[in-house]
């Protein structure tokens, strides 16, 4: 397997598991992952939030960890990356307002490079207008945004993921096994234990 170079977009209050688990999973199988955040440089960090499902009508939120930024956002060149990863949480809500973030996402979509988004990560895909005709899962509260962006919202179990073209999407962190397996397949990663 040839190692891939993956760009990961994070921001303050990214969902903890949705940042930490994919980052570590991709590194563990030999890929290179560059975690970036607008207005932050290598060595900075973002605060994460832990979202859980405890019986209320929506998730609860608790303080998470400091997640380290590995590369300077201002210096990234999208053409140097093979794939894009967008975790959820509250970060996508404000990251989608950044024109450079939108341009990055559009580059990956137009180049048909693999894009993995989970939970509220679909908010960035919708804002970038790259979901036209794409079957896309997300946290259920993002369904209107997916549909307004021309996507087809995939109503799947919280433990499932869906691949359509170069997009791999999932509703939330309980889908990590399915989401990461499908993303790794798009990357051409073969896993043998």
Protein backbone atom coordinates (compact mmCIF):
# COMPACT_ATOMS: atom_id res chain seq x y z
CA UNK A 1 0.00 0.00 0.00
CA UNK A 2 1.27 3.44 -0.88
CA UNK A 3 0.80 5.82 2.02
CA UNK A 4 -1.64 8.63 1.33
CA UNK A 5 -1.38 12.22 2.49
CA UNK A 6 -4.64 13.25 4.14
CA UNK A 7 -5.78 16.75 5.11
CA UNK A 8 -7.94 16.90 8.24
CA UNK A 9 -9.98 20.06 8.95
CA UNK A 10 -10.62 20.70 12.65
CA UNK A 11 -11.71 23.62 14.77
CA UNK A 12 -12.53 24.40 18.36
CA UNK A 13 -15.18 22.09 19.78
CA UNK A 14 -14.70 19.46 17.12
CA UNK A 15 -16.19 16.23 18.45
CA UNK A 16 -13.44 14.49 20.41
CA UNK A 17 -13.89 10.93 19.09
CA UNK A 18 -14.48 12.20 15.55
CA UNK A 19 -11.07 13.90 15.58
CA UNK A 20 -8.97 11.55 17.72
CA UNK A 21 -10.12 8.16 16.43
CA UNK A 22 -9.80 8.79 12.66
CA UNK A 23 -6.51 10.65 13.15
CA UNK A 24 -4.98 7.75 15.09
CA UNK A 25 -6.56 5.07 12.87
CA UNK A 26 -5.14 6.58 9.69
CA UNK A 27 -1.70 7.00 11.24
CA UNK A 28 -1.78 3.41 12.55
CA UNK A 29 -2.24 1.98 9.06
CA UNK A 30 0.59 4.06 7.63
CA UNK A 31 -1.02 7.19 6.20
CA UNK A 32 0.20 10.73 6.80
CA UNK A 33 -2.41 13.03 8.35
CA UNK A 34 -2.07 16.80 8.56
CA UNK A 35 -4.49 18.33 11.08
CA UNK A 36 -5.15 22.00 10.32
CA UNK A 37 -7.39 24.79 11.56
CA UNK A 38 -7.88 28.31 10.20
CA UNK A 39 -5.78 30.91 12.03
CA UNK A 40 -3.72 28.19 13.75
CA UNK A 41 -0.21 26.86 13.21
CA UNK A 42 1.66 23.64 13.93
CA UNK A 43 1.98 23.27 17.69
CA UNK A 44 -1.30 25.07 18.46
CA UNK A 45 -4.34 23.08 19.54
CA UNK A 46 -8.12 23.10 19.38
CA UNK A 47 -10.39 22.16 22.23
CA UNK A 48 -12.61 19.16 21.62
CA UNK A 49 -16.06 18.37 22.96
CA UNK A 50 -17.43 14.94 23.83
CA UNK A 51 -20.91 14.36 22.46
CA UNK A 52 -22.89 11.48 23.87
CA UNK A 53 -26.31 9.94 23.44
CA UNK A 54 -27.87 9.60 26.88
CA UNK A 55 -31.60 9.43 26.19
CA UNK A 56 -32.40 13.08 25.54
CA UNK A 57 -33.81 14.32 22.22
CA UNK A 58 -30.32 15.30 21.07
CA UNK A 59 -26.75 14.69 22.18
CA UNK A 60 -25.17 16.05 25.34
CA UNK A 61 -21.86 17.89 25.30
CA UNK A 62 -18.97 17.73 27.76
CA UNK A 63 -15.43 19.15 27.72
CA UNK A 64 -12.96 17.03 25.78
CA UNK A 65 -9.22 17.24 25.20
CA UNK A 66 -6.68 19.43 23.50
CA UNK A 67 -6.18 18.18 19.96
CA UNK A 68 -2.83 19.19 18.45
CA UNK A 69 -2.57 21.02 15.16
CA UNK A 70 0.19 19.44 13.08
CA UNK A 71 0.54 21.93 10.20
CA UNK A 72 0.01 25.62 9.43
CA UNK A 73 -3.39 26.23 7.80
CA UNK A 74 -2.07 29.26 5.90
CA UNK A 75 0.62 27.17 4.18
CA UNK A 76 -1.43 24.21 2.92
CA UNK A 77 -1.66 23.41 -0.77
CA UNK A 78 -4.72 21.27 -1.47
CA UNK A 79 -3.12 19.78 -4.58
CA UNK A 80 -0.47 18.12 -2.37
CA UNK A 81 -3.10 15.95 -0.62
CA UNK A 82 -4.74 12.70 -1.67
CA UNK A 83 -7.86 12.93 0.52
CA UNK A 84 -9.83 15.12 2.93
CA UNK A 85 -11.31 14.26 6.33
CA UNK A 86 -13.92 16.43 8.08
CA UNK A 87 -14.91 15.52 11.65
CA UNK A 88 -18.13 16.81 13.19
CA UNK A 89 -19.03 18.53 16.41
CA UNK A 90 -19.64 22.26 16.58
CA UNK A 91 -16.55 23.25 14.59
CA UNK A 92 -18.14 22.82 11.12
CA UNK A 93 -20.77 25.41 12.03
CA UNK A 94 -18.16 28.18 11.96
CA UNK A 95 -15.50 26.59 9.72
CA UNK A 96 -18.00 26.72 6.83
CA UNK A 97 -17.90 30.51 7.04
CA UNK A 98 -14.22 30.55 6.04
CA UNK A 99 -13.79 31.08 2.26
CA UNK A 100 -10.48 29.17 2.23
CA UNK A 101 -12.15 26.14 3.84
CA UNK A 102 -14.85 26.26 1.16
CA UNK A 103 -12.22 26.47 -1.62
CA UNK A 104 -10.33 23.52 -0.16
CA UNK A 105 -13.44 21.34 -0.06
CA UNK A 106 -14.35 22.34 -3.61
CA UNK A 107 -10.85 21.39 -4.79
CA UNK A 108 -11.18 17.87 -3.34
CA UNK A 109 -14.68 17.43 -4.77
CA UNK A 110 -13.78 18.71 -8.25
CA UNK A 111 -10.63 16.55 -8.33
CA UNK A 112 -12.75 13.55 -7.20
CA UNK A 113 -10.37 12.85 -4.32
CA UNK A 114 -11.78 10.84 -1.39
CA UNK A 115 -13.68 12.97 1.14
CA UNK A 116 -14.76 11.55 4.51
CA UNK A 117 -17.20 13.55 6.62
CA UNK A 118 -19.02 12.55 9.77
CA UNK A 119 -21.86 14.07 11.78
CA UNK A 120 -21.97 17.86 11.38
CA UNK A 121 -19.10 17.71 8.86
CA UNK A 122 -21.86 17.66 6.22
CA UNK A 123 -22.48 21.34 7.05
CA UNK A 124 -19.17 22.17 5.39
CA UNK A 125 -19.97 19.99 2.36
CA UNK A 126 -23.35 21.69 2.00
CA UNK A 127 -21.84 25.18 2.31
CA UNK A 128 -19.25 24.28 -0.35
CA UNK A 129 -22.10 23.22 -2.67
CA UNK A 130 -20.50 19.85 -3.47
CA UNK A 131 -23.43 17.58 -2.56
CA UNK A 132 -25.55 17.90 -5.71
CA UNK A 133 -26.85 14.39 -6.43
CA UNK A 134 -24.70 12.79 -3.68
CA UNK A 135 -26.17 10.33 -1.18
CA UNK A 136 -24.89 11.72 2.12
CA UNK A 137 -25.34 10.77 5.75
CA UNK A 138 -24.92 13.20 8.63
CA UNK A 139 -26.25 13.89 12.08
CA UNK A 140 -30.05 13.93 11.58
CA UNK A 141 -30.28 17.66 12.43
CA UNK A 142 -28.19 18.31 9.27
CA UNK A 143 -30.72 16.60 6.96
CA UNK A 144 -32.26 19.92 5.81
CA UNK A 145 -28.83 21.31 4.90
CA UNK A 146 -27.91 18.19 2.92
CA UNK A 147 -31.19 18.37 1.02
CA UNK A 148 -31.02 22.14 0.44
CA UNK A 149 -27.56 21.59 -1.06
CA UNK A 150 -29.04 19.09 -3.55
CA UNK A 151 -27.87 15.98 -1.75
CA UNK A 152 -29.91 12.90 -0.94
CA UNK A 153 -29.93 12.42 2.83
CA UNK A 154 -29.12 8.81 3.72
CA UNK A 155 -31.21 7.69 6.68
CA UNK A 156 -29.01 4.94 8.05
CA UNK A 157 -28.31 3.51 11.50
CA UNK A 158 -25.94 5.51 13.71
CA UNK A 159 -23.45 2.63 13.37
CA UNK A 160 -23.44 2.66 9.55
CA UNK A 161 -21.76 4.71 6.82
CA UNK A 162 -22.45 5.30 3.14
CA UNK A 163 -20.11 5.70 0.18
CA UNK A 164 -21.28 7.58 -2.92
CA UNK A 165 -18.73 8.43 -5.59
CA UNK A 166 -15.74 9.87 -3.69
CA UNK A 167 -17.71 10.73 -0.54
CA UNK A 168 -17.83 8.57 2.61
CA UNK A 169 -20.25 9.90 5.22
CA UNK A 170 -21.70 8.75 8.53
CA UNK A 171 -24.17 10.07 11.13
CA UNK A 172 -21.90 10.14 14.20
CA UNK A 173 -18.93 8.54 15.99
CA UNK A 174 -20.66 5.19 16.68
CA UNK A 175 -20.18 4.58 12.93
CA UNK A 176 -16.36 4.73 13.12
CA UNK A 177 -15.77 1.06 12.18
CA UNK A 178 -17.96 1.32 9.05
CA UNK A 179 -16.90 4.89 8.19
CA UNK A 180 -13.18 4.25 8.51
CA UNK A 181 -13.40 0.89 6.67
CA UNK A 182 -15.15 2.55 3.73
CA UNK A 183 -12.73 5.49 3.70
CA UNK A 184 -9.74 3.13 3.82
CA UNK A 185 -11.23 1.21 0.88
CA UNK A 186 -11.45 4.45 -1.14
CA UNK A 187 -7.83 5.15 -0.22
CA UNK A 188 -6.86 1.69 -1.49
CA UNK A 189 -5.70 0.57 1.95
CA UNK A 190 -5.63 -3.17 2.54
CA UNK A 191 -5.68 -4.24 6.17
CA UNK A 192 -4.57 -7.67 7.29
CA UNK A 193 -4.31 -8.68 10.91
